Amino acid sequence: MRYTCLNCGSSAHRASELCNPTSDILDANFCATAIDVVCDERREEMQYTCTSCGGMAEDGDHLCMPVRIR
């Protein structure tokens, strides 16, 4: 089972690896997620930021105006 963080969209096989995990399948938009909401240990995995609001996500599909940062 995969878990997804409700704060930033990171995913993991164990819920304990995420700060705000859910096992629900998310069709969420992580725009407006402040950088301080993303766990420090997961920040390196954030591949995209939103050019509109600065939100961060592991996958660009979760942002309205994604741009790859890494």
N, C-alpha and C. Protein backbone atom coordinates (compact mmCIF):
# COMPACT_ATOMS: atom_id res chain seq x y z
N MET A 1 0.85 -1.17 0.00
CA MET A 1 0.00 0.00 0.00
C MET A 1 0.89 1.24 0.00
N ARG A 2 0.50 2.24 -0.75
CA ARG A 2 1.21 3.51 -0.77
C ARG A 2 0.44 4.52 0.06
N TYR A 3 1.19 5.37 0.73
CA TYR A 3 0.61 6.46 1.51
C TYR A 3 1.04 7.77 0.87
N THR A 4 0.22 8.77 1.02
CA THR A 4 0.51 10.10 0.48
C THR A 4 0.42 11.12 1.60
N CYS A 5 1.34 12.08 1.59
CA CYS A 5 1.33 13.15 2.58
C CYS A 5 0.31 14.20 2.16
N LEU A 6 -0.60 14.52 3.05
CA LEU A 6 -1.61 15.55 2.76
C LEU A 6 -1.01 16.95 2.69
N ASN A 7 0.19 17.15 3.22
CA ASN A 7 0.82 18.47 3.20
C ASN A 7 1.51 18.77 1.87
N CYS A 8 2.20 17.77 1.29
CA CYS A 8 3.01 18.09 0.12
C CYS A 8 2.89 17.10 -1.03
N GLY A 9 2.20 15.98 -0.81
CA GLY A 9 2.05 15.03 -1.89
C GLY A 9 3.13 13.98 -1.99
N SER A 10 4.11 14.00 -1.10
CA SER A 10 5.13 12.95 -1.10
C SER A 10 4.46 11.61 -0.88
N SER A 11 5.05 10.56 -1.41
CA SER A 11 4.48 9.24 -1.21
C SER A 11 5.53 8.31 -0.62
N ALA A 12 5.05 7.28 0.09
CA ALA A 12 5.93 6.32 0.75
C ALA A 12 5.17 5.02 0.97
N HIS A 13 5.92 3.95 1.18
CA HIS A 13 5.29 2.66 1.46
C HIS A 13 4.89 2.53 2.92
N ARG A 14 5.47 3.34 3.80
CA ARG A 14 5.13 3.28 5.22
C ARG A 14 4.61 4.64 5.67
N ALA A 15 3.49 4.64 6.36
CA ALA A 15 2.89 5.88 6.84
C ALA A 15 3.83 6.64 7.76
N SER A 16 4.67 5.94 8.49
CA SER A 16 5.58 6.58 9.44
C SER A 16 6.63 7.46 8.76
N GLU A 17 6.80 7.34 7.46
CA GLU A 17 7.78 8.15 6.73
C GLU A 17 7.23 9.52 6.33
N LEU A 18 5.95 9.76 6.59
CA LEU A 18 5.31 11.01 6.17
C LEU A 18 4.78 11.75 7.38
N CYS A 19 4.71 13.08 7.28
CA CYS A 19 4.25 13.87 8.43
C CYS A 19 2.74 13.90 8.56
N ASN A 20 2.00 13.76 7.45
CA ASN A 20 0.54 13.83 7.50
C ASN A 20 -0.01 12.82 6.49
N PRO A 21 0.14 11.50 6.77
CA PRO A 21 -0.18 10.47 5.79
C PRO A 21 -1.66 10.16 5.65
N THR A 22 -2.02 9.70 4.46
CA THR A 22 -3.34 9.16 4.20
C THR A 22 -3.18 8.00 3.22
N SER A 23 -4.05 7.03 3.32
CA SER A 23 -4.02 5.93 2.37
C SER A 23 -5.04 6.16 1.26
N ASP A 24 -5.80 7.26 1.37
CA ASP A 24 -6.76 7.60 0.32
C ASP A 24 -6.03 8.00 -0.95
N ILE A 25 -6.62 7.69 -2.07
CA ILE A 25 -6.06 8.14 -3.35
C ILE A 25 -6.42 9.61 -3.49
N LEU A 26 -5.40 10.44 -3.68
CA LEU A 26 -5.63 11.87 -3.74
C LEU A 26 -5.71 12.37 -5.17
N ASP A 27 -6.65 13.21 -5.40
CA ASP A 27 -6.73 13.96 -6.64
C ASP A 27 -6.64 15.42 -6.21
N ALA A 28 -5.62 15.69 -5.40
CA ALA A 28 -5.52 16.97 -4.73
C ALA A 28 -4.59 17.92 -5.45
N ASN A 29 -4.76 19.16 -5.15
CA ASN A 29 -3.90 20.21 -5.65
C ASN A 29 -3.12 20.73 -4.44
N PHE A 30 -1.80 20.70 -4.51
CA PHE A 30 -0.98 21.12 -3.38
C PHE A 30 -0.51 22.56 -3.52
N CYS A 31 -1.15 23.33 -4.38
CA CYS A 31 -0.82 24.74 -4.49
C CYS A 31 -1.08 25.42 -3.16
N ALA A 32 -0.28 26.41 -2.88
CA ALA A 32 -0.36 27.19 -1.64
C ALA A 32 0.16 26.43 -0.44
N THR A 33 0.81 25.28 -0.65
CA THR A 33 1.46 24.58 0.45
C THR A 33 2.75 25.32 0.76
N ALA A 34 2.82 25.89 1.92
CA ALA A 34 4.00 26.66 2.31
C ALA A 34 5.21 25.73 2.44
N ILE A 35 6.37 26.25 2.12
CA ILE A 35 7.59 25.43 2.20
C ILE A 35 7.85 24.92 3.60
N ASP A 36 7.42 25.65 4.64
CA ASP A 36 7.65 25.20 6.00
C ASP A 36 6.70 24.07 6.40
N VAL A 37 5.70 23.76 5.58
CA VAL A 37 4.80 22.65 5.84
C VAL A 37 5.40 21.33 5.36
N VAL A 38 6.30 21.41 4.38
CA VAL A 38 6.97 20.22 3.86
C VAL A 38 8.03 19.78 4.86
N CYS A 39 8.01 18.50 5.22
CA CYS A 39 8.98 17.96 6.18
C CYS A 39 10.41 18.20 5.68
N ASP A 40 11.30 18.56 6.58
CA ASP A 40 12.69 18.83 6.21
C ASP A 40 13.32 17.66 5.46
N GLU A 41 13.07 16.44 5.93
CA GLU A 41 13.69 15.27 5.31
C GLU A 41 13.08 14.94 3.95
N ARG A 42 11.96 15.51 3.59
CA ARG A 42 11.30 15.27 2.30
C ARG A 42 11.55 16.40 1.30
N ARG A 43 12.07 17.53 1.74
CA ARG A 43 12.25 18.68 0.85
C ARG A 43 13.11 18.37 -0.36
N GLU A 44 14.13 17.56 -0.18
CA GLU A 44 15.02 17.20 -1.29
C GLU A 44 14.26 16.46 -2.39
N GLU A 45 13.17 15.78 -2.04
CA GLU A 45 12.40 15.01 -3.01
C GLU A 45 11.42 15.87 -3.81
N MET A 46 11.22 17.10 -3.38
CA MET A 46 10.28 17.97 -4.08
C MET A 46 10.89 18.36 -5.42
N GLN A 47 10.27 17.92 -6.48
CA GLN A 47 10.79 18.13 -7.83
C GLN A 47 10.18 19.35 -8.52
N TYR A 48 9.02 19.81 -8.01
CA TYR A 48 8.30 20.87 -8.69
C TYR A 48 7.85 21.95 -7.72
N THR A 49 7.73 23.16 -8.25
CA THR A 49 7.14 24.26 -7.51
C THR A 49 6.11 24.92 -8.41
N CYS A 50 5.15 25.57 -7.81
CA CYS A 50 4.12 26.27 -8.58
C CYS A 50 4.58 27.71 -8.82
N THR A 51 4.60 28.12 -10.08
CA THR A 51 5.04 29.48 -10.40
C THR A 51 4.00 30.52 -9.96
N SER A 52 2.81 30.09 -9.65
CA SER A 52 1.76 31.00 -9.22
C SER A 52 1.85 31.31 -7.72
N CYS A 53 2.02 30.27 -6.90
CA CYS A 53 1.95 30.48 -5.45
C CYS A 53 3.17 30.00 -4.67
N GLY A 54 4.07 29.25 -5.33
CA GLY A 54 5.26 28.76 -4.63
C GLY A 54 5.06 27.45 -3.92
N GLY A 55 3.88 26.82 -4.04
CA GLY A 55 3.65 25.51 -3.45
C GLY A 55 4.64 24.50 -4.00
N MET A 56 4.91 23.43 -3.27
CA MET A 56 5.86 22.42 -3.70
C MET A 56 5.18 21.06 -3.73
N ALA A 57 5.62 20.20 -4.67
CA ALA A 57 5.10 18.85 -4.75
C ALA A 57 6.15 17.95 -5.39
N GLU A 58 6.03 16.67 -5.11
CA GLU A 58 6.92 15.67 -5.68
C GLU A 58 6.59 15.45 -7.16
N ASP A 59 5.33 15.66 -7.52
CA ASP A 59 4.84 15.42 -8.86
C ASP A 59 4.16 16.69 -9.38
N GLY A 60 4.52 17.13 -10.55
CA GLY A 60 3.96 18.36 -11.11
C GLY A 60 2.47 18.31 -11.36
N ASP A 61 1.89 17.11 -11.44
CA ASP A 61 0.45 16.98 -11.67
C ASP A 61 -0.37 17.54 -10.52
N HIS A 62 0.24 17.76 -9.36
CA HIS A 62 -0.47 18.25 -8.19
C HIS A 62 -0.39 19.78 -8.04
N LEU A 63 0.16 20.45 -9.03
CA LEU A 63 0.27 21.92 -8.99
C LEU A 63 -0.39 22.52 -10.22
N CYS A 64 -0.92 23.73 -10.07
CA CYS A 64 -1.63 24.33 -11.21
C CYS A 64 -0.69 24.89 -12.27
N MET A 65 0.47 25.41 -11.86
CA MET A 65 1.45 25.96 -12.81
C MET A 65 2.84 25.43 -12.45
N PRO A 66 3.07 24.12 -12.64
CA PRO A 66 4.32 23.52 -12.20
C PRO A 66 5.52 23.89 -13.05
N VAL A 67 6.66 23.98 -12.37
CA VAL A 67 7.94 24.12 -13.04
C VAL A 67 8.92 23.23 -12.28
N ARG A 68 9.71 22.47 -13.03
CA ARG A 68 10.67 21.55 -12.43
C ARG A 68 11.81 22.34 -11.80
N ILE A 69 12.16 22.02 -10.57
CA ILE A 69 13.23 22.75 -9.88
C ILE A 69 14.49 21.91 -9.72
N ARG A 70 14.42 20.63 -9.98
CA ARG A 70 15.59 19.74 -9.85
C ARG A 70 15.71 18.86 -11.06
